[in-house]
Amino acid sequence: MSNSPSLTDHDLLIRIDERVRVLKEDMVVLKDWHGKHEKAHAQRMKRWMGVSAALGGIAGFFASIFRN
């Protein structure tokens, strides 16, 4: 037998529980980060859609002037 101390079932469960807790904390951090970036992306897309619509309206206005 080796001289290294073996982990009891209780010790092993404590280690597993600690690792699961750390993983859960990491998942919360990742979800928060992802949520913030999703919101920022949606705001950028909304802004560019507004700019695109405004430019399209201006182009349509000038097209109607020059068409007549």
N, C-alpha and C. Protein backbone atom coordinates (compact mmCIF):
# COMPACT_ATOMS: atom_id res chain seq x y z
N MET A 1 0.83 -1.18 0.00
CA MET A 1 0.00 0.00 0.00
C MET A 1 0.88 1.24 0.00
N SER A 2 0.32 2.28 -0.55
CA SER A 2 1.09 3.53 -0.60
C SER A 2 0.92 4.29 0.71
N ASN A 3 1.84 5.18 0.94
CA ASN A 3 1.79 5.98 2.16
C ASN A 3 0.88 7.20 2.04
N SER A 4 0.41 7.49 0.82
CA SER A 4 -0.42 8.68 0.65
C SER A 4 -1.78 8.47 1.29
N PRO A 5 -2.26 9.47 1.96
CA PRO A 5 -3.57 9.32 2.62
C PRO A 5 -4.67 9.23 1.56
N SER A 6 -5.58 8.31 1.77
CA SER A 6 -6.67 8.17 0.81
C SER A 6 -7.83 9.06 1.24
N LEU A 7 -8.55 9.52 0.25
CA LEU A 7 -9.70 10.37 0.54
C LEU A 7 -10.87 9.50 0.98
N THR A 8 -11.50 9.93 2.02
CA THR A 8 -12.72 9.23 2.42
C THR A 8 -13.84 9.70 1.51
N ASP A 9 -14.94 8.98 1.54
CA ASP A 9 -16.09 9.39 0.73
C ASP A 9 -16.54 10.80 1.09
N HIS A 10 -16.50 11.10 2.37
CA HIS A 10 -16.92 12.43 2.83
C HIS A 10 -16.00 13.52 2.27
N ASP A 11 -14.68 13.28 2.33
CA ASP A 11 -13.72 14.25 1.79
C ASP A 11 -13.94 14.45 0.29
N LEU A 12 -14.17 13.35 -0.40
CA LEU A 12 -14.40 13.42 -1.84
C LEU A 12 -15.66 14.23 -2.16
N LEU A 13 -16.71 14.00 -1.40
CA LEU A 13 -17.95 14.76 -1.61
C LEU A 13 -17.75 16.24 -1.33
N ILE A 14 -16.96 16.56 -0.32
CA ILE A 14 -16.68 17.97 -0.02
C ILE A 14 -15.93 18.62 -1.19
N ARG A 15 -14.94 17.93 -1.74
CA ARG A 15 -14.19 18.47 -2.88
C ARG A 15 -15.09 18.66 -4.10
N ILE A 16 -15.92 17.67 -4.37
CA ILE A 16 -16.84 17.76 -5.52
C ILE A 16 -17.80 18.92 -5.31
N ASP A 17 -18.34 19.04 -4.11
CA ASP A 17 -19.27 20.13 -3.81
C ASP A 17 -18.61 21.49 -4.01
N GLU A 18 -17.37 21.62 -3.58
CA GLU A 18 -16.63 22.88 -3.75
C GLU A 18 -16.43 23.20 -5.23
N ARG A 19 -16.05 22.21 -6.02
CA ARG A 19 -15.85 22.45 -7.45
C ARG A 19 -17.15 22.80 -8.15
N VAL A 20 -18.23 22.15 -7.78
CA VAL A 20 -19.54 22.47 -8.36
C VAL A 20 -19.93 23.91 -8.01
N ARG A 21 -19.68 24.32 -6.78
CA ARG A 21 -20.00 25.69 -6.36
C ARG A 21 -19.21 26.70 -7.18
N VAL A 22 -17.92 26.44 -7.38
CA VAL A 22 -17.08 27.34 -8.17
C VAL A 22 -17.57 27.40 -9.62
N LEU A 23 -17.93 26.25 -10.18
CA LEU A 23 -18.44 26.23 -11.55
C LEU A 23 -19.74 27.02 -11.67
N LYS A 24 -20.61 26.90 -10.68
CA LYS A 24 -21.87 27.66 -10.70
C LYS A 24 -21.59 29.16 -10.65
N GLU A 25 -20.64 29.57 -9.82
CA GLU A 25 -20.28 30.99 -9.76
C GLU A 25 -19.74 31.47 -11.10
N ASP A 26 -18.90 30.66 -11.73
CA ASP A 26 -18.36 31.03 -13.04
C ASP A 26 -19.46 31.15 -14.08
N MET A 27 -20.45 30.27 -14.03
CA MET A 27 -21.56 30.33 -14.98
C MET A 27 -22.37 31.62 -14.79
N VAL A 28 -22.56 32.03 -13.54
CA VAL A 28 -23.29 33.28 -13.29
C VAL A 28 -22.53 34.46 -13.89
N VAL A 29 -21.22 34.47 -13.70
CA VAL A 29 -20.40 35.56 -14.25
C VAL A 29 -20.49 35.55 -15.77
N LEU A 30 -20.39 34.39 -16.39
CA LEU A 30 -20.46 34.31 -17.85
C LEU A 30 -21.83 34.74 -18.37
N LYS A 31 -22.90 34.34 -17.69
CA LYS A 31 -24.24 34.75 -18.12
C LYS A 31 -24.41 36.26 -18.02
N ASP A 32 -23.91 36.86 -16.95
CA ASP A 32 -23.99 38.32 -16.81
C ASP A 32 -23.24 39.01 -17.93
N TRP A 33 -22.02 38.54 -18.22
CA TRP A 33 -21.20 39.13 -19.28
C TRP A 33 -21.91 39.00 -20.62
N HIS A 34 -22.44 37.81 -20.90
CA HIS A 34 -23.12 37.57 -22.18
C HIS A 34 -24.36 38.45 -22.30
N GLY A 35 -25.12 38.58 -21.22
CA GLY A 35 -26.32 39.41 -21.24
C GLY A 35 -26.00 40.87 -21.54
N LYS A 36 -24.94 41.39 -20.94
CA LYS A 36 -24.56 42.78 -21.18
C LYS A 36 -24.16 42.98 -22.64
N HIS A 37 -23.42 42.04 -23.20
CA HIS A 37 -22.98 42.18 -24.58
C HIS A 37 -24.14 41.99 -25.56
N GLU A 38 -25.11 41.14 -25.21
CA GLU A 38 -26.30 40.98 -26.05
C GLU A 38 -27.08 42.29 -26.10
N LYS A 39 -27.24 42.95 -24.95
CA LYS A 39 -27.97 44.22 -24.91
C LYS A 39 -27.25 45.28 -25.72
N ALA A 40 -25.94 45.35 -25.59
CA ALA A 40 -25.16 46.34 -26.34
C ALA A 40 -25.29 46.09 -27.84
N HIS A 41 -25.26 44.84 -28.25
CA HIS A 41 -25.39 44.51 -29.67
C HIS A 41 -26.77 44.90 -30.18
N ALA A 42 -27.81 44.63 -29.41
CA ALA A 42 -29.17 44.98 -29.81
C ALA A 42 -29.32 46.50 -29.95
N GLN A 43 -28.71 47.25 -29.05
CA GLN A 43 -28.78 48.71 -29.14
C GLN A 43 -28.06 49.22 -30.38
N ARG A 44 -26.90 48.64 -30.70
CA ARG A 44 -26.18 49.05 -31.92
C ARG A 44 -27.00 48.75 -33.16
N MET A 45 -27.61 47.56 -33.20
CA MET A 45 -28.41 47.19 -34.36
C MET A 45 -29.60 48.12 -34.52
N LYS A 46 -30.25 48.47 -33.40
CA LYS A 46 -31.40 49.36 -33.45
C LYS A 46 -30.97 50.74 -33.98
N ARG A 47 -29.83 51.22 -33.51
CA ARG A 47 -29.32 52.52 -33.94
C ARG A 47 -29.03 52.51 -35.43
N TRP A 48 -28.36 51.46 -35.92
CA TRP A 48 -28.02 51.40 -37.34
C TRP A 48 -29.25 51.22 -38.21
N MET A 49 -30.26 50.52 -37.71
CA MET A 49 -31.50 50.39 -38.48
C MET A 49 -32.18 51.75 -38.59
N GLY A 50 -32.13 52.56 -37.55
CA GLY A 50 -32.69 53.91 -37.60
C GLY A 50 -31.94 54.79 -38.57
N VAL A 51 -30.61 54.72 -38.55
CA VAL A 51 -29.79 55.50 -39.48
C VAL A 51 -30.08 55.07 -40.91
N SER A 52 -30.17 53.77 -41.13
CA SER A 52 -30.45 53.24 -42.47
C SER A 52 -31.82 53.71 -42.96
N ALA A 53 -32.81 53.69 -42.09
CA ALA A 53 -34.16 54.14 -42.48
C ALA A 53 -34.15 55.63 -42.80
N ALA A 54 -33.43 56.41 -42.01
CA ALA A 54 -33.35 57.85 -42.27
C ALA A 54 -32.68 58.13 -43.61
N LEU A 55 -31.58 57.44 -43.87
CA LEU A 55 -30.89 57.64 -45.16
C LEU A 55 -31.77 57.19 -46.32
N GLY A 56 -32.49 56.12 -46.14
CA GLY A 56 -33.41 55.65 -47.18
C GLY A 56 -34.52 56.66 -47.43
N GLY A 57 -35.02 57.28 -46.38
CA GLY A 57 -36.05 58.31 -46.53
C GLY A 57 -35.53 59.53 -47.26
N ILE A 58 -34.32 59.95 -46.92
CA ILE A 58 -33.71 61.10 -47.60
C ILE A 58 -33.48 60.77 -49.07
N ALA A 59 -32.96 59.58 -49.34
CA ALA A 59 -32.72 59.18 -50.73
C ALA A 59 -34.03 59.11 -51.50
N GLY A 60 -35.08 58.61 -50.88
CA GLY A 60 -36.39 58.55 -51.53
C GLY A 60 -36.94 59.93 -51.82
N PHE A 61 -36.73 60.85 -50.89
CA PHE A 61 -37.18 62.23 -51.08
C PHE A 61 -36.50 62.86 -52.30
N PHE A 62 -35.17 62.73 -52.37
CA PHE A 62 -34.46 63.31 -53.50
C PHE A 62 -34.80 62.60 -54.81
N ALA A 63 -35.03 61.31 -54.75
CA ALA A 63 -35.41 60.58 -55.96
C ALA A 63 -36.76 61.08 -56.46
N SER A 64 -37.69 61.37 -55.55
CA SER A 64 -39.00 61.86 -55.98
C SER A 64 -38.90 63.27 -56.56
N ILE A 65 -37.99 64.08 -56.05
CA ILE A 65 -37.81 65.44 -56.59
C ILE A 65 -37.26 65.36 -58.01
N PHE A 66 -36.22 64.55 -58.20
CA PHE A 66 -35.57 64.50 -59.51
C PHE A 66 -36.37 63.71 -60.53
N ARG A 67 -37.27 62.87 -60.07
CA ARG A 67 -38.08 62.09 -60.99
C ARG A 67 -39.13 62.99 -61.66
N ASN A 68 -39.62 63.97 -60.93
CA ASN A 68 -40.68 64.85 -61.48
C ASN A 68 -40.08 65.99 -62.18
